[in-house]
Amino acid sequence: MGENRPAQRREAAARPVEAGVTTGSLARRLGVSPTTLRSWDRRYGVGPAVRSGGRHRRWTPQDVAMLEEMCRLTSAGVPPAEAARTAQEGVGRNRPEPEPPGGGDRPCGPRPQAAGALPLGDVRQECRGLARAAVRLDAPTVGDQLASLVARYGVVPAWDEVMVPTLHAVGRKWESSGDRYVEVEHLLSWHISRALHRATEPVGPVGTPAAAGPVVLACVPGEQHSLALEALHAGLVELGLPTRMFCAAVPTEALTAAVRRLGPKAVLLWAQTRSTADLPLARHVADTRWGVTGARSHPAVLLGGPGWAGRPVRGMLRPPGLRDALETLSALYDPPVPVTRS
């Protein structure tokens, strides 16, 4: 039998080897949930480039590099659909164009930019109308369009596909025009915040009892940027999940006291910049306990915002986008609340 071993080795070497990492291992490496990876594959086509006939998918180094880039982009505030397209182009892969949520139309090709127009690129038609009204400082029209978007499509599509791209376009215009258009950004941000606040006004009974424990949303100390957190709050309210939203720059002592008093299911800490991302605070919140001896509980801790990028913490997830955060948080409740496309 020994004389056949070299031939057996050559035959084994010629067979394709199942390589790559599992979905669970990749999710832990990226700081997201396996559900997020599966939903990205389903919605944006960013799954494994090669699929085996078995039940378990394997991710190659090229796949991993693509997803790392997508996580980096979404953490910086890029909408998931745009991040997926950019990440796939970076590794030379193509994907089918996803259907726009809410049935909205996309422009069929590049359009000439008028003087003073914002650099929007290939975006939904609604972005252009909103951008034009914002540049004119037409507050009534901006407010009406934002309210209509949320009412028609829901919080997640309105935020991901209209509000965020328009805000980014204002930022790019500001950077390229010598500090002009700052007033446009301030007006647009205020009206987006107002539209999100209106979306949280109760219209019926809350679907999940408060006894289940709310989701606490808070900016870390020193963090003044809370707009993305307001979008998450509006999304949770839209799902009927209990939530407590705190203002910007919550002091450590106040956050700890709120966690002990509320006994939340989860705490999401938002950090827009790396200088405000406070890992000791995150660990302190994760270690906070309440309840009687023998039945003490502690919250799940999620890290939101680009400030946490590249800083994975064991036992804490870092959802890269609004929909992913909503899916992760809704899964904590029994029964889970599905996050559907509006």
C-alpha atoms as a PDB file:
ATOM      1  CA  MET A   1       0.000   0.000   0.000  1.00  0.00           C
ATOM      2  CA  GLY A   2       2.912   2.350   0.699  1.00  0.00           C
ATOM      3  CA  GLU A   3       3.913   2.538  -2.974  1.00  0.00           C
ATOM      4  CA  ASN A   4       0.589   4.262  -3.804  1.00  0.00           C
ATOM      5  CA  ARG A   5       1.022   7.167  -1.371  1.00  0.00           C
ATOM      6  CA  PRO A   6       2.804   9.568  -3.793  1.00  0.00           C
ATOM      7  CA  ALA A   7       0.039   9.061  -6.340  1.00  0.00           C
ATOM      8  CA  GLN A   8      -2.585   9.612  -3.642  1.00  0.00           C
ATOM      9  CA  ARG A   9      -0.896  12.854  -2.603  1.00  0.00           C
ATOM     10  CA  ARG A  10      -0.830  14.078  -6.217  1.00  0.00           C
ATOM     11  CA  GLU A  11      -4.508  13.173  -6.643  1.00  0.00           C
ATOM     12  CA  ALA A  12      -5.425  15.028  -3.410  1.00  0.00           C
ATOM     13  CA  ALA A  13      -3.429  18.071  -4.458  1.00  0.00           C
ATOM     14  CA  ALA A  14      -5.263  18.152  -7.779  1.00  0.00           C
ATOM     15  CA  ARG A  15      -8.689  18.200  -6.083  1.00  0.00           C
ATOM     16  CA  PRO A  16     -10.115  21.626  -5.185  1.00  0.00           C
ATOM     17  CA  VAL A  17      -9.724  22.365  -1.496  1.00  0.00           C
ATOM     18  CA  GLU A  18     -12.522  24.068   0.427  1.00  0.00           C
ATOM     19  CA  ALA A  19     -10.706  27.197   1.551  1.00  0.00           C
ATOM     20  CA  GLY A  20     -11.654  30.384   3.290  1.00  0.00           C
ATOM     21  CA  VAL A  21     -13.322  31.319   6.542  1.00  0.00           C
ATOM     22  CA  THR A  22     -16.834  30.568   7.718  1.00  0.00           C
ATOM     23  CA  THR A  23     -19.588  33.165   7.997  1.00  0.00           C
ATOM     24  CA  GLY A  24     -19.425  33.041  11.784  1.00  0.00           C
ATOM     25  CA  SER A  25     -15.661  33.603  11.867  1.00  0.00           C
ATOM     26  CA  LEU A  26     -15.887  36.446   9.377  1.00  0.00           C
ATOM     27  CA  ALA A  27     -18.724  38.101  11.326  1.00  0.00           C
ATOM     28  CA  ARG A  28     -16.616  38.040  14.510  1.00  0.00           C
ATOM     29  CA  ARG A  29     -13.634  39.459  12.625  1.00  0.00           C
ATOM     30  CA  LEU A  30     -15.683  42.341  11.199  1.00  0.00           C
ATOM     31  CA  GLY A  31     -17.681  43.006  14.365  1.00  0.00           C
ATOM     32  CA  VAL A  32     -21.063  42.424  12.717  1.00  0.00           C
ATOM     33  CA  SER A  33     -23.674  39.692  13.060  1.00  0.00           C
ATOM     34  CA  PRO A  34     -23.930  36.709  10.669  1.00  0.00           C
ATOM     35  CA  THR A  35     -27.451  37.939   9.867  1.00  0.00           C
ATOM     36  CA  THR A  36     -25.937  41.165   8.545  1.00  0.00           C
ATOM     37  CA  LEU A  37     -23.607  39.272   6.191  1.00  0.00           C
ATOM     38  CA  ARG A  38     -26.478  37.155   4.874  1.00  0.00           C
ATOM     39  CA  SER A  39     -28.692  40.203   4.351  1.00  0.00           C
ATOM     40  CA  TRP A  40     -25.864  42.041   2.521  1.00  0.00           C
ATOM     41  CA  ASP A  41     -25.498  39.034   0.239  1.00  0.00           C
ATOM     42  CA  ARG A  42     -29.253  38.974  -0.420  1.00  0.00           C
ATOM     43  CA  ARG A  43     -29.718  42.731  -0.913  1.00  0.00           C
ATOM     44  CA  TYR A  44     -26.421  43.850  -2.491  1.00  0.00           C
ATOM     45  CA  GLY A  45     -24.819  40.688  -3.911  1.00  0.00           C
ATOM     46  CA  VAL A  46     -21.726  40.859  -1.669  1.00  0.00           C
ATOM     47  CA  GLY A  47     -21.645  37.153  -0.864  1.00  0.00           C
ATOM     48  CA  PRO A  48     -18.845  34.671  -1.562  1.00  0.00           C
ATOM     49  CA  ALA A  49     -17.593  34.821  -5.155  1.00  0.00           C
ATOM     50  CA  VAL A  50     -17.442  30.989  -5.289  1.00  0.00           C
ATOM     51  CA  ARG A  51     -20.099  28.881  -3.619  1.00  0.00           C
ATOM     52  CA  SER A  52     -19.743  25.194  -2.828  1.00  0.00           C
ATOM     53  CA  GLY A  53     -22.554  22.695  -3.020  1.00  0.00           C
ATOM     54  CA  GLY A  54     -22.570  22.262   0.754  1.00  0.00           C
ATOM     55  CA  ARG A  55     -24.580  24.111   3.346  1.00  0.00           C
ATOM     56  CA  HIS A  56     -21.728  26.210   4.708  1.00  0.00           C
ATOM     57  CA  ARG A  57     -20.362  29.139   2.750  1.00  0.00           C
ATOM     58  CA  ARG A  58     -16.654  29.918   2.718  1.00  0.00           C
ATOM     59  CA  TRP A  59     -15.200  33.389   2.250  1.00  0.00           C
ATOM     60  CA  THR A  60     -11.926  33.805   0.343  1.00  0.00           C
ATOM     61  CA  PRO A  61      -9.318  36.492   1.130  1.00  0.00           C
ATOM     62  CA  GLN A  62     -10.750  38.516  -1.783  1.00  0.00           C
ATOM     63  CA  ASP A  63     -14.245  38.270  -0.278  1.00  0.00           C
ATOM     64  CA  VAL A  64     -12.901  39.317   3.124  1.00  0.00           C
ATOM     65  CA  ALA A  65     -11.097  42.341   1.644  1.00  0.00           C
ATOM     66  CA  MET A  66     -14.319  43.386  -0.116  1.00  0.00           C
ATOM     67  CA  LEU A  67     -16.359  43.181   3.103  1.00  0.00           C
ATOM     68  CA  GLU A  68     -13.703  44.996   5.132  1.00  0.00           C
ATOM     69  CA  GLU A  69     -13.911  47.846   2.619  1.00  0.00           C
ATOM     70  CA  MET A  70     -17.715  47.826   2.790  1.00  0.00           C
ATOM     71  CA  CYS A  71     -17.589  48.012   6.596  1.00  0.00           C
ATOM     72  CA  ARG A  72     -15.120  50.898   6.397  1.00  0.00           C
ATOM     73  CA  LEU A  73     -17.337  52.823   3.998  1.00  0.00           C
ATOM     74  CA  THR A  74     -20.591  52.250   5.882  1.00  0.00           C
ATOM     75  CA  SER A  75     -18.915  53.200   9.150  1.00  0.00           C
ATOM     76  CA  ALA A  76     -17.955  56.492   7.484  1.00  0.00           C
ATOM     77  CA  GLY A  77     -21.624  57.094   6.658  1.00  0.00           C
ATOM     78  CA  VAL A  78     -21.752  55.878   3.045  1.00  0.00           C
ATOM     79  CA  PRO A  79     -25.176  54.285   2.265  1.00  0.00           C
ATOM     80  CA  PRO A  80     -24.914  50.456   2.110  1.00  0.00           C
ATOM     81  CA  ALA A  81     -25.911  50.172  -1.570  1.00  0.00           C
ATOM     82  CA  GLU A  82     -23.221  52.670  -2.591  1.00  0.00           C
ATOM     83  CA  ALA A  83     -20.673  51.062  -0.267  1.00  0.00           C
ATOM     84  CA  ALA A  84     -21.362  47.624  -1.772  1.00  0.00           C
ATOM     85  CA  ARG A  85     -20.919  48.942  -5.310  1.00  0.00           C
ATOM     86  CA  THR A  86     -17.633  50.669  -4.432  1.00  0.00           C
ATOM     87  CA  ALA A  87     -16.283  47.652  -2.529  1.00  0.00           C
ATOM     88  CA  GLN A  88     -17.091  45.271  -5.383  1.00  0.00           C
ATOM     89  CA  GLU A  89     -15.499  47.577  -7.952  1.00  0.00           C
ATOM     90  CA  GLY A  90     -12.382  47.587  -5.777  1.00  0.00           C
ATOM     91  CA  VAL A  91     -11.988  43.813  -6.113  1.00  0.00           C
ATOM     92  CA  GLY A  92     -13.130  43.665  -9.733  1.00  0.00           C
ATOM     93  CA  ARG A  93     -16.526  42.059  -9.147  1.00  0.00           C
ATOM     94  CA  ASN A  94     -19.867  43.050 -10.611  1.00  0.00           C
ATOM     95  CA  ARG A  95     -23.261  42.742  -9.013  1.00  0.00           C
ATOM     96  CA  PRO A  96     -26.836  43.263 -10.179  1.00  0.00           C
ATOM     97  CA  GLU A  97     -28.261  46.672  -9.380  1.00  0.00           C
ATOM     98  CA  PRO A  98     -30.633  46.349  -6.402  1.00  0.00           C
ATOM     99  CA  GLU A  99     -34.193  47.538  -6.771  1.00  0.00           C
ATOM    100  CA  PRO A 100     -34.660  50.935  -5.101  1.00  0.00           C
ATOM    101  CA  PRO A 101     -36.762  50.706  -1.923  1.00  0.00           C
ATOM    102  CA  GLY A 102     -40.224  52.140  -2.300  1.00  0.00           C
ATOM    103  CA  GLY A 103     -40.158  51.762  -6.088  1.00  0.00           C
ATOM    104  CA  GLY A 104     -38.456  55.142  -6.631  1.00  0.00           C
ATOM    105  CA  ASP A 105     -36.776  55.817  -9.951  1.00  0.00           C
ATOM    106  CA  ARG A 106     -33.075  56.355 -10.436  1.00  0.00           C
ATOM    107  CA  PRO A 107     -31.672  58.620 -13.124  1.00  0.00           C
ATOM    108  CA  CYS A 108     -30.811  56.739 -16.321  1.00  0.00           C
ATOM    109  CA  GLY A 109     -27.478  58.442 -16.875  1.00  0.00           C
ATOM    110  CA  PRO A 110     -25.255  61.357 -15.926  1.00  0.00           C
ATOM    111  CA  ARG A 111     -26.896  64.754 -15.849  1.00  0.00           C
ATOM    112  CA  PRO A 112     -25.226  68.115 -16.398  1.00  0.00           C
ATOM    113  CA  GLN A 113     -24.722  70.096 -13.208  1.00  0.00           C
ATOM    114  CA  ALA A 114     -26.112  73.581 -12.963  1.00  0.00           C
ATOM    115  CA  ALA A 115     -24.075  76.320 -11.356  1.00  0.00           C
ATOM    116  CA  GLY A 116     -24.241  75.908  -7.602  1.00  0.00           C
ATOM    117  CA  ALA A 117     -25.669  72.372  -7.874  1.00  0.00           C
ATOM    118  CA  LEU A 118     -24.514  69.766  -5.385  1.00  0.00           C
ATOM    119  CA  PRO A 119     -22.269  66.876  -6.565  1.00  0.00           C
ATOM    120  CA  LEU A 120     -24.864  64.142  -6.098  1.00  0.00           C
ATOM    121  CA  GLY A 121     -23.745  61.584  -8.687  1.00  0.00           C
ATOM    122  CA  ASP A 122     -25.996  58.593  -9.457  1.00  0.00           C
ATOM    123  CA  VAL A 123     -28.712  58.885  -6.822  1.00  0.00           C
ATOM    124  CA  ARG A 124     -32.473  58.735  -6.434  1.00  0.00           C
ATOM    125  CA  GLN A 125     -34.532  61.455  -8.061  1.00  0.00           C
ATOM    126  CA  GLU A 126     -35.729  62.654  -4.653  1.00  0.00           C
ATOM    127  CA  CYS A 127     -32.172  63.664  -3.719  1.00  0.00           C
ATOM    128  CA  ARG A 128     -32.079  66.213  -6.500  1.00  0.00           C
ATOM    129  CA  GLY A 129     -35.275  67.955  -5.501  1.00  0.00           C
ATOM    130  CA  LEU A 130     -34.180  68.052  -1.870  1.00  0.00           C
ATOM    131  CA  ALA A 131     -30.725  69.379  -2.810  1.00  0.00           C
ATOM    132  CA  ARG A 132     -32.151  72.144  -4.987  1.00  0.00           C
ATOM    133  CA  ALA A 133     -34.475  73.296  -2.199  1.00  0.00           C
ATOM    134  CA  ALA A 134     -31.625  73.193   0.356  1.00  0.00           C
ATOM    135  CA  VAL A 135     -29.297  75.283  -1.841  1.00  0.00           C
ATOM    136  CA  ARG A 136     -32.065  77.868  -2.220  1.00  0.00           C
ATOM    137  CA  LEU A 137     -32.510  77.795   1.592  1.00  0.00           C
ATOM    138  CA  ASP A 138     -36.163  77.078   0.862  1.00  0.00           C
ATOM    139  CA  ALA A 139     -37.009  75.793   4.344  1.00  0.00           C
ATOM    140  CA  PRO A 140     -40.735  75.099   3.750  1.00  0.00           C
ATOM    141  CA  THR A 141     -39.992  72.956   0.684  1.00  0.00           C
ATOM    142  CA  VAL A 142     -37.154  71.085   2.445  1.00  0.00           C
ATOM    143  CA  GLY A 143     -39.446  70.314   5.383  1.00  0.00           C
ATOM    144  CA  ASP A 144     -42.328  69.192   3.171  1.00  0.00           C
ATOM    145  CA  GLN A 145     -40.125  66.938   1.036  1.00  0.00           C
ATOM    146  CA  LEU A 146     -38.534  65.262   4.053  1.00  0.00           C
ATOM    147  CA  ALA A 147     -41.916  64.656   5.705  1.00  0.00           C
ATOM    148  CA  SER A 148     -43.245  63.183   2.457  1.00  0.00           C
ATOM    149  CA  LEU A 149     -40.209  60.887   2.095  1.00  0.00           C
ATOM    150  CA  VAL A 150     -40.566  59.428   5.586  1.00  0.00           C
ATOM    151  CA  ALA A 151     -44.337  58.993   5.207  1.00  0.00           C
ATOM    152  CA  ARG A 152     -44.028  57.339   1.780  1.00  0.00           C
ATOM    153  CA  TYR A 153     -40.980  55.090   2.175  1.00  0.00           C
ATOM    154  CA  GLY A 154     -40.323  54.812   5.913  1.00  0.00           C
ATOM    155  CA  VAL A 155     -37.349  55.881   7.983  1.00  0.00           C
ATOM    156  CA  VAL A 156     -34.690  53.477   6.675  1.00  0.00           C
ATOM    157  CA  PRO A 157     -34.993  54.121   2.895  1.00  0.00           C
ATOM    158  CA  ALA A 158     -35.496  57.854   3.476  1.00  0.00           C
ATOM    159  CA  TRP A 159     -32.317  58.018   5.585  1.00  0.00           C
ATOM    160  CA  ASP A 160     -30.093  55.639   3.588  1.00  0.00           C
ATOM    161  CA  GLU A 161     -31.043  56.681   0.065  1.00  0.00           C
ATOM    162  CA  VAL A 162     -32.007  60.351   0.293  1.00  0.00           C
ATOM    163  CA  MET A 163     -30.981  62.121   3.512  1.00  0.00           C
ATOM    164  CA  VAL A 164     -27.428  60.737   3.795  1.00  0.00           C
ATOM    165  CA  PRO A 165     -26.453  61.143   0.097  1.00  0.00           C
ATOM    166  CA  THR A 166     -27.738  64.726   0.115  1.00  0.00           C
ATOM    167  CA  LEU A 167     -25.848  65.541   3.327  1.00  0.00           C
ATOM    168  CA  HIS A 168     -22.669  64.064   1.824  1.00  0.00           C
ATOM    169  CA  ALA A 169     -23.136  66.153  -1.311  1.00  0.00           C
ATOM    170  CA  VAL A 170     -23.449  69.304   0.801  1.00  0.00           C
ATOM    171  CA  GLY A 171     -20.262  68.353   2.638  1.00  0.00           C
ATOM    172  CA  ARG A 172     -18.357  67.820  -0.605  1.00  0.00           C
ATOM    173  CA  LYS A 173     -19.592  71.148  -1.965  1.00  0.00           C
ATOM    174  CA  TRP A 174     -18.536  72.879   1.234  1.00  0.00           C
ATOM    175  CA  GLU A 175     -15.037  71.355   1.109  1.00  0.00           C
ATOM    176  CA  SER A 176     -14.513  72.332  -2.542  1.00  0.00           C
ATOM    177  CA  SER A 177     -15.888  75.874  -2.406  1.00  0.00           C
ATOM    178  CA  GLY A 178     -13.875  77.585   0.309  1.00  0.00           C
ATOM    179  CA  ASP A 179     -16.243  77.269   3.270  1.00  0.00           C
ATOM    180  CA  ARG A 180     -19.314  78.263   1.283  1.00  0.00           C
ATOM    181  CA  TYR A 181     -22.605  76.393   1.678  1.00  0.00           C
ATOM    182  CA  VAL A 182     -22.133  75.913   5.434  1.00  0.00           C
ATOM    183  CA  GLU A 183     -25.546  77.504   5.892  1.00  0.00           C
ATOM    184  CA  VAL A 184     -27.025  74.881   3.544  1.00  0.00           C
ATOM    185  CA  GLU A 185     -25.640  72.056   5.682  1.00  0.00           C
ATOM    186  CA  HIS A 186     -26.986  73.590   8.888  1.00  0.00           C
ATOM    187  CA  LEU A 187     -30.445  74.165   7.449  1.00  0.00           C
ATOM    188  CA  LEU A 188     -30.640  70.680   5.942  1.00  0.00           C
ATOM    189  CA  SER A 189     -29.395  68.998   9.140  1.00  0.00           C
ATOM    190  CA  TRP A 190     -31.941  70.827  11.271  1.00  0.00           C
ATOM    191  CA  HIS A 191     -34.838  69.872   9.017  1.00  0.00           C
ATOM    192  CA  ILE A 192     -33.697  66.242   8.834  1.00  0.00           C
ATOM    193  CA  SER A 193     -33.580  66.158  12.636  1.00  0.00           C
ATOM    194  CA  ARG A 194     -37.065  67.697  12.763  1.00  0.00           C
ATOM    195  CA  ALA A 195     -38.441  65.116  10.296  1.00  0.00           C
ATOM    196  CA  LEU A 196     -36.938  62.272  12.329  1.00  0.00           C
ATOM    197  CA  HIS A 197     -38.400  63.663  15.550  1.00  0.00           C
ATOM    198  CA  ARG A 198     -41.829  63.871  13.940  1.00  0.00           C
ATOM    199  CA  ALA A 199     -41.495  60.238  12.880  1.00  0.00           C
ATOM    200  CA  THR A 200     -41.217  59.243  16.562  1.00  0.00           C
ATOM    201  CA  GLU A 201     -44.566  60.751  17.548  1.00  0.00           C
ATOM    202  CA  PRO A 202     -46.802  57.885  18.770  1.00  0.00           C
ATOM    203  CA  VAL A 203     -49.603  56.879  16.425  1.00  0.00           C
ATOM    204  CA  GLY A 204     -50.791  53.787  18.308  1.00  0.00           C
ATOM    205  CA  PRO A 205     -49.903  51.320  21.055  1.00  0.00           C
ATOM    206  CA  VAL A 206     -46.283  50.200  21.345  1.00  0.00           C
ATOM    207  CA  GLY A 207     -45.908  46.634  20.073  1.00  0.00           C
ATOM    208  CA  THR A 208     -43.367  45.436  22.657  1.00  0.00           C
ATOM    209  CA  PRO A 209     -44.114  45.872  26.379  1.00  0.00           C
ATOM    210  CA  ALA A 210     -41.803  48.181  28.305  1.00  0.00           C
ATOM    211  CA  ALA A 211     -41.145  45.306  30.724  1.00  0.00           C
ATOM    212  CA  ALA A 212     -38.937  43.759  28.032  1.00  0.00           C
ATOM    213  CA  GLY A 213     -36.391  46.523  28.608  1.00  0.00           C
ATOM    214  CA  PRO A 214     -35.752  49.402  26.179  1.00  0.00           C
ATOM    215  CA  VAL A 215     -32.854  50.146  23.864  1.00  0.00           C
ATOM    216  CA  VAL A 216     -30.755  53.013  25.232  1.00  0.00           C
ATOM    217  CA  LEU A 217     -29.214  55.287  22.593  1.00  0.00           C
ATOM    218  CA  ALA A 218     -26.494  57.693  23.707  1.00  0.00           C
ATOM    219  CA  CYS A 219     -23.599  59.685  22.317  1.00  0.00           C
ATOM    220  CA  VAL A 220     -20.378  59.129  24.250  1.00  0.00           C
ATOM    221  CA  PRO A 221     -19.022  62.021  26.359  1.00  0.00           C
ATOM    222  CA  GLY A 222     -17.660  64.778  24.134  1.00  0.00           C
ATOM    223  CA  GLU A 223     -19.608  63.644  21.062  1.00  0.00           C
ATOM    224  CA  GLN A 224     -21.927  66.329  19.679  1.00  0.00           C
ATOM    225  CA  HIS A 225     -23.017  64.615  16.450  1.00  0.00           C
ATOM    226  CA  SER A 226     -26.311  62.852  17.106  1.00  0.00           C
ATOM    227  CA  LEU A 227     -28.156  62.946  13.763  1.00  0.00           C
ATOM    228  CA  ALA A 228     -27.481  59.296  12.850  1.00  0.00           C
ATOM    229  CA  LEU A 229     -28.563  58.271  16.345  1.00  0.00           C
ATOM    230  CA  GLU A 230     -31.803  60.181  15.847  1.00  0.00           C
ATOM    231  CA  ALA A 231     -32.392  58.151  12.667  1.00  0.00           C
ATOM    232  CA  LEU A 232     -31.870  54.925  14.620  1.00  0.00           C
ATOM    233  CA  HIS A 233     -34.280  56.123  17.302  1.00  0.00           C
ATOM    234  CA  ALA A 234     -36.906  56.872  14.654  1.00  0.00           C
ATOM    235  CA  GLY A 235     -36.358  53.442  13.093  1.00  0.00           C
ATOM    236  CA  LEU A 236     -36.847  51.691  16.448  1.00  0.00           C
ATOM    237  CA  VAL A 237     -40.035  53.638  17.095  1.00  0.00           C
ATOM    238  CA  GLU A 238     -41.252  52.729  13.603  1.00  0.00           C
ATOM    239  CA  LEU A 239     -40.780  49.048  14.533  1.00  0.00           C
ATOM    240  CA  GLY A 240     -42.656  49.533  17.807  1.00  0.00           C
ATOM    241  CA  LEU A 241     -39.605  48.733  19.959  1.00  0.00           C
ATOM    242  CA  PRO A 242     -39.140  50.495  23.324  1.00  0.00           C
ATOM    243  CA  THR A 243     -36.291  52.992  23.246  1.00  0.00           C
ATOM    244  CA  ARG A 244     -34.775  55.810  25.288  1.00  0.00           C
ATOM    245  CA  MET A 245     -32.926  58.484  23.336  1.00  0.00           C
ATOM    246  CA  PHE A 246     -30.454  60.727  25.156  1.00  0.00           C
ATOM    247  CA  CYS A 247     -28.959  63.951  23.869  1.00  0.00           C
ATOM    248  CA  ALA A 248     -25.394  64.532  22.683  1.00  0.00           C
ATOM    249  CA  ALA A 249     -22.335  64.146  24.951  1.00  0.00           C
ATOM    250  CA  VAL A 250     -23.945  62.132  27.757  1.00  0.00           C
ATOM    251  CA  PRO A 251     -21.730  62.232  30.891  1.00  0.00           C
ATOM    252  CA  THR A 252     -20.419  58.870  32.074  1.00  0.00           C
ATOM    253  CA  GLU A 253     -22.125  59.081  35.461  1.00  0.00           C
ATOM    254  CA  ALA A 254     -25.486  59.973  33.903  1.00  0.00           C
ATOM    255  CA  LEU A 255     -25.267  57.131  31.372  1.00  0.00           C
ATOM    256  CA  THR A 256     -24.396  54.600  34.087  1.00  0.00           C
ATOM    257  CA  ALA A 257     -27.285  55.790  36.265  1.00  0.00           C
ATOM    258  CA  ALA A 258     -29.711  55.544  33.332  1.00  0.00           C
ATOM    259  CA  VAL A 259     -28.602  51.984  32.524  1.00  0.00           C
ATOM    260  CA  ARG A 260     -29.076  50.860  36.131  1.00  0.00           C
ATOM    261  CA  ARG A 261     -32.498  52.520  36.387  1.00  0.00           C
ATOM    262  CA  LEU A 262     -33.860  51.291  33.056  1.00  0.00           C
ATOM    263  CA  GLY A 263     -32.408  47.770  32.843  1.00  0.00           C
ATOM    264  CA  PRO A 264     -32.151  47.992  29.032  1.00  0.00           C
ATOM    265  CA  LYS A 265     -31.972  45.128  26.567  1.00  0.00           C
ATOM    266  CA  ALA A 266     -29.171  46.943  24.766  1.00  0.00           C
ATOM    267  CA  VAL A 267     -27.119  50.135  24.815  1.00  0.00           C
ATOM    268  CA  LEU A 268     -25.810  51.650  21.588  1.00  0.00           C
ATOM    269  CA  LEU A 269     -22.945  54.115  22.054  1.00  0.00           C
ATOM    270  CA  TRP A 270     -22.358  56.551  19.191  1.00  0.00           C
ATOM    271  CA  ALA A 271     -18.928  58.005  18.372  1.00  0.00           C
ATOM    272  CA  GLN A 272     -18.506  60.066  15.214  1.00  0.00           C
ATOM    273  CA  THR A 273     -14.736  60.537  15.599  1.00  0.00           C
ATOM    274  CA  ARG A 274     -11.941  58.332  16.851  1.00  0.00           C
ATOM    275  CA  SER A 275     -11.038  60.892  19.531  1.00  0.00           C
ATOM    276  CA  THR A 276     -14.428  60.456  21.237  1.00  0.00           C
ATOM    277  CA  ALA A 277     -14.638  56.644  20.986  1.00  0.00           C
ATOM    278  CA  ASP A 278     -14.187  55.583  24.620  1.00  0.00           C
ATOM    279  CA  LEU A 279     -13.470  51.847  24.942  1.00  0.00           C
ATOM    280  CA  PRO A 280     -13.206  51.886  28.765  1.00  0.00           C
ATOM    281  CA  LEU A 281     -16.690  53.442  28.884  1.00  0.00           C
ATOM    282  CA  ALA A 282     -18.063  50.763  26.565  1.00  0.00           C
ATOM    283  CA  ARG A 283     -16.602  48.023  28.766  1.00  0.00           C
ATOM    284  CA  HIS A 284     -17.931  49.754  31.883  1.00  0.00           C
ATOM    285  CA  VAL A 285     -21.466  49.834  30.434  1.00  0.00           C
ATOM    286  CA  ALA A 286     -21.203  46.186  29.360  1.00  0.00           C
ATOM    287  CA  ASP A 287     -20.209  45.222  32.928  1.00  0.00           C
ATOM    288  CA  THR A 288     -23.075  47.145  34.554  1.00  0.00           C
ATOM    289  CA  ARG A 289     -25.428  44.744  36.364  1.00  0.00           C
ATOM    290  CA  TRP A 290     -28.862  45.051  37.953  1.00  0.00           C
ATOM    291  CA  GLY A 291     -31.441  42.778  39.551  1.00  0.00           C
ATOM    292  CA  VAL A 292     -31.485  40.434  42.509  1.00  0.00           C
ATOM    293  CA  THR A 293     -28.625  38.096  43.364  1.00  0.00           C
ATOM    294  CA  GLY A 294     -28.775  34.981  41.237  1.00  0.00           C
ATOM    295  CA  ALA A 295     -30.787  36.642  38.488  1.00  0.00           C
ATOM    296  CA  ARG A 296     -28.687  39.663  37.613  1.00  0.00           C
ATOM    297  CA  SER A 297     -28.773  41.017  34.076  1.00  0.00           C
ATOM    298  CA  HIS A 298     -26.552  43.208  31.920  1.00  0.00           C
ATOM    299  CA  PRO A 299     -27.107  44.937  28.563  1.00  0.00           C
ATOM    300  CA  ALA A 300     -25.874  44.015  25.131  1.00  0.00           C
ATOM    301  CA  VAL A 301     -23.559  46.814  23.984  1.00  0.00           C
ATOM    302  CA  LEU A 302     -23.367  47.952  20.366  1.00  0.00           C
ATOM    303  CA  LEU A 303     -20.822  50.457  19.022  1.00  0.00           C
ATOM    304  CA  GLY A 304     -22.154  52.854  16.390  1.00  0.00           C
ATOM    305  CA  GLY A 305     -20.394  55.418  14.237  1.00  0.00           C
ATOM    306  CA  PRO A 306     -17.097  55.721  12.333  1.00  0.00           C
ATOM    307  CA  GLY A 307     -15.188  56.570  15.526  1.00  0.00           C
ATOM    308  CA  TRP A 308     -15.117  52.862  16.459  1.00  0.00           C
ATOM    309  CA  ALA A 309     -13.726  51.714  13.080  1.00  0.00           C
ATOM    310  CA  GLY A 310     -10.774  49.367  13.372  1.00  0.00           C
ATOM    311  CA  ARG A 311     -11.297  48.876  17.103  1.00  0.00           C
ATOM    312  CA  PRO A 312     -13.128  45.543  17.536  1.00  0.00           C
ATOM    313  CA  VAL A 313     -14.100  44.733  21.110  1.00  0.00           C
ATOM    314  CA  ARG A 314     -14.842  41.181  22.206  1.00  0.00           C
ATOM    315  CA  GLY A 315     -18.509  40.652  22.930  1.00  0.00           C
ATOM    316  CA  MET A 316     -19.635  43.922  21.275  1.00  0.00           C
ATOM    317  CA  LEU A 317     -21.062  44.319  17.776  1.00  0.00           C
ATOM    318  CA  ARG A 318     -20.425  47.274  15.485  1.00  0.00           C
ATOM    319  CA  PRO A 319     -23.364  47.428  13.028  1.00  0.00           C
ATOM    320  CA  PRO A 320     -22.197  49.299   9.918  1.00  0.00           C
ATOM    321  CA  GLY A 321     -25.516  50.826   8.903  1.00  0.00           C
ATOM    322  CA  LEU A 322     -28.980  51.815  10.068  1.00  0.00           C
ATOM    323  CA  ARG A 323     -30.786  48.733   8.774  1.00  0.00           C
ATOM    324  CA  ASP A 324     -28.115  46.428  10.217  1.00  0.00           C
ATOM    325  CA  ALA A 325     -28.434  48.091  13.639  1.00  0.00           C
ATOM    326  CA  LEU A 326     -32.211  47.708  13.526  1.00  0.00           C
ATOM    327  CA  GLU A 327     -31.956  44.028  12.571  1.00  0.00           C
ATOM    328  CA  THR A 328     -29.462  43.338  15.358  1.00  0.00           C
ATOM    329  CA  LEU A 329     -31.521  45.136  17.994  1.00  0.00           C
ATOM    330  CA  SER A 330     -34.877  43.681  16.938  1.00  0.00           C
ATOM    331  CA  ALA A 331     -33.406  40.171  17.168  1.00  0.00           C
ATOM    332  CA  LEU A 332     -32.887  40.708  20.916  1.00  0.00           C
ATOM    333  CA  TYR A 333     -36.640  40.692  21.520  1.00  0.00           C
ATOM    334  CA  ASP A 334     -38.879  37.637  21.739  1.00  0.00           C
ATOM    335  CA  PRO A 335     -40.357  37.309  19.215  1.00  0.00           C
ATOM    336  CA  PRO A 336     -37.955  39.287  17.000  1.00  0.00           C
ATOM    337  CA  VAL A 337     -39.451  42.224  15.100  1.00  0.00           C
ATOM    338  CA  PRO A 338     -38.754  41.862  11.354  1.00  0.00           C
ATOM    339  CA  VAL A 339     -37.113  44.804   9.594  1.00  0.00           C
ATOM    340  CA  THR A 340     -38.916  44.891   6.253  1.00  0.00           C
ATOM    341  CA  ARG A 341     -38.301  46.930   3.119  1.00  0.00           C
ATOM    342  CA  SER A 342     -40.783  49.779   2.934  1.00  0.00           C
END
